[in-house]
Every structure is written in C-alpha cells, then in structure tokens.
Amino acid sequence: MLFRFSVFEFESDTRELRKSGRVVALEPQPARALARLLAKSGEVVTREELRDAVWGAGTHVDFDRGLAYCLSQIRFALGDSGENPRFVQTLPKKGRFIAPTRVYQLRRV
C-alpha cells in the first residue's frame, strides 16, 4: 500500500517514507509504528496495538520508553509537534493519525 498525506508518501511494503519524492530516514521500529497508524488512519490505535506492530506480542521490552522514542522519531521525520499535531495525535494510552490520507494499491510486476 502507498499512503499519501501532505507532501509525504509512505510505502508499507518497504516502509520507506518520502517527502516531496526524497527519502526521509526512519528507523525500522518507528517505520512499523507509522505503518500501523497509517493503516488505521483517523481511527484510534491503542498502545498494545502499536506494541504488537513494533515488537510482536511475544516480546517483552520496556515498550513505554520504546514507543515514546518511536513517536518522537516519527514526529521528527514529519516535522510534527506533540503540542500542535498535524499528523500524529496522542491521547492517554492511545494515538491516531489525523492528517487526510489517500491510500493506493501498488502493483508489483
């Protein structure tokens, strides 16, 4: 799937984020979190859903700190702010992707 929002594109298969066609560096774990948020764009995503998307259900880590890091990296890559969000809104124990998003199926040849 290809997600387009503002000047950004995110390809879920490769987890590649692009801004105006240029690749934006994003580590694997924040990219997995962004993929989950975009897949449920506009809907509330629980911390547990994000934990499972980033680390898997069987992994035991201090995911509160790890999730905070992932969200800060996503915000940095998007030029977003927690105080005045344009893309990722956090709520107590939840979050959601709030920017208008278009989704496209990619055809691989």
Protein backbone atom coordinates (compact mmCIF):
# COMPACT_ATOMS: atom_id res chain seq x y z
CA MET A 1 0.00 0.00 0.00
CA LEU A 2 1.07 3.55 -0.66
CA PHE A 3 -0.14 6.23 1.72
CA ARG A 4 -0.05 9.88 0.63
CA PHE A 5 -0.53 12.73 3.06
CA SER A 6 0.55 16.35 2.75
CA VAL A 7 3.93 16.29 0.92
CA PHE A 8 4.71 12.77 2.19
CA GLU A 9 4.41 9.25 0.83
CA PHE A 10 4.85 6.07 2.84
CA GLU A 11 5.11 2.66 1.23
CA SER A 12 4.01 0.00 3.70
CA ASP A 13 5.83 -2.91 1.99
CA THR A 14 9.25 -1.27 2.05
CA ARG A 15 8.47 1.06 4.99
CA GLU A 16 10.01 3.88 3.01
CA LEU A 17 9.00 7.44 3.84
CA ARG A 18 9.45 10.14 1.21
CA LYS A 19 8.99 13.88 1.41
CA SER A 20 8.43 15.54 -1.97
CA GLY A 21 9.99 12.45 -3.60
CA ARG A 22 13.10 12.35 -1.40
CA VAL A 23 13.68 9.53 1.06
CA VAL A 24 13.41 10.53 4.71
CA ALA A 25 15.46 8.44 7.14
CA LEU A 26 13.28 6.44 9.51
CA GLU A 27 14.50 3.53 11.62
CA PRO A 28 12.68 0.17 11.34
CA GLN A 29 10.74 0.35 14.62
CA PRO A 30 9.35 3.87 14.08
CA ALA A 31 8.53 2.84 10.48
CA ARG A 32 6.50 -0.13 11.77
CA ALA A 33 4.64 2.17 14.18
CA LEU A 34 3.93 4.65 11.37
CA ALA A 35 2.68 1.81 9.16
CA ARG A 36 0.17 0.78 11.83
CA LEU A 37 -1.00 4.36 12.41
CA LEU A 38 -1.45 4.93 8.68
CA ALA A 39 -3.25 1.60 8.18
CA LYS A 40 -5.85 2.81 10.67
CA SER A 41 -5.73 6.47 9.65
CA GLY A 42 -8.33 8.50 11.53
CA GLU A 43 -9.00 5.65 13.96
CA VAL A 44 -7.72 5.32 17.50
CA VAL A 45 -4.80 2.90 17.86
CA THR A 46 -4.07 1.52 21.32
CA ARG A 47 -0.61 1.27 22.83
CA GLU A 48 -0.99 -2.52 22.77
CA GLU A 49 -1.68 -2.48 19.01
CA LEU A 50 1.43 -0.37 18.48
CA ARG A 51 3.48 -2.63 20.75
CA ASP A 52 2.40 -5.68 18.76
CA ALA A 53 3.13 -3.94 15.44
CA VAL A 54 6.59 -2.80 16.52
CA TRP A 55 7.85 -5.67 18.70
CA GLY A 56 5.36 -8.52 18.33
CA ALA A 57 3.13 -9.97 21.03
CA GLY A 58 5.76 -12.36 22.39
CA THR A 59 8.48 -9.77 23.00
CA HIS A 60 8.89 -8.35 26.47
CA VAL A 61 10.55 -4.92 26.48
CA ASP A 62 10.07 -1.60 28.23
CA PHE A 63 7.75 -0.60 25.44
CA ASP A 64 6.63 2.65 27.10
CA ARG A 65 10.08 4.14 26.57
CA GLY A 66 10.48 2.45 23.20
CA LEU A 67 7.10 3.67 21.99
CA ALA A 68 7.85 7.22 23.12
CA TYR A 69 11.09 7.02 21.12
CA CYS A 70 9.24 5.72 18.04
CA LEU A 71 6.69 8.51 18.19
CA SER A 72 9.37 11.16 18.68
CA GLN A 73 11.23 9.81 15.63
CA ILE A 74 8.02 9.82 13.55
CA ARG A 75 7.29 13.39 14.61
CA PHE A 76 10.84 14.46 13.81
CA ALA A 77 10.70 12.85 10.36
CA LEU A 78 7.36 14.52 9.61
CA GLY A 79 8.23 17.87 11.19
CA ASP A 80 5.30 17.35 13.56
CA SER A 81 4.77 18.51 17.13
CA GLY A 82 3.06 16.88 20.09
CA GLU A 83 1.78 20.26 21.28
CA ASN A 84 0.23 21.22 17.93
CA PRO A 85 -0.04 17.97 15.94
CA ARG A 86 -0.71 17.94 12.21
CA PHE A 87 -0.10 14.22 11.68
CA VAL A 88 0.08 12.16 14.89
CA GLN A 89 -2.20 12.93 17.80
CA THR A 90 -1.55 11.21 21.09
CA LEU A 91 -4.26 10.61 23.66
CA PRO A 92 -3.93 8.88 27.04
CA LYS A 93 -2.71 5.33 26.19
CA LYS A 94 -3.78 5.81 22.54
CA GLY A 95 -2.95 7.68 19.39
CA ARG A 96 -4.15 8.27 15.86
CA PHE A 97 -3.01 9.57 12.51
CA ILE A 98 -5.07 12.71 11.90
CA ALA A 99 -3.91 14.10 8.54
CA PRO A 100 -6.07 13.45 5.49
CA THR A 101 -4.60 10.36 3.84
CA ARG A 102 -5.04 8.80 0.42
CA VAL A 103 -4.33 5.09 0.02
CA TYR A 104 -3.26 3.37 -3.19
CA GLN A 105 -2.75 -0.29 -4.02
CA LEU A 106 0.68 -0.85 -5.55
CA ARG A 107 1.04 -3.26 -8.43
CA ARG A 108 4.30 -5.13 -8.50
CA VAL A 109 5.48 -6.58 -11.76
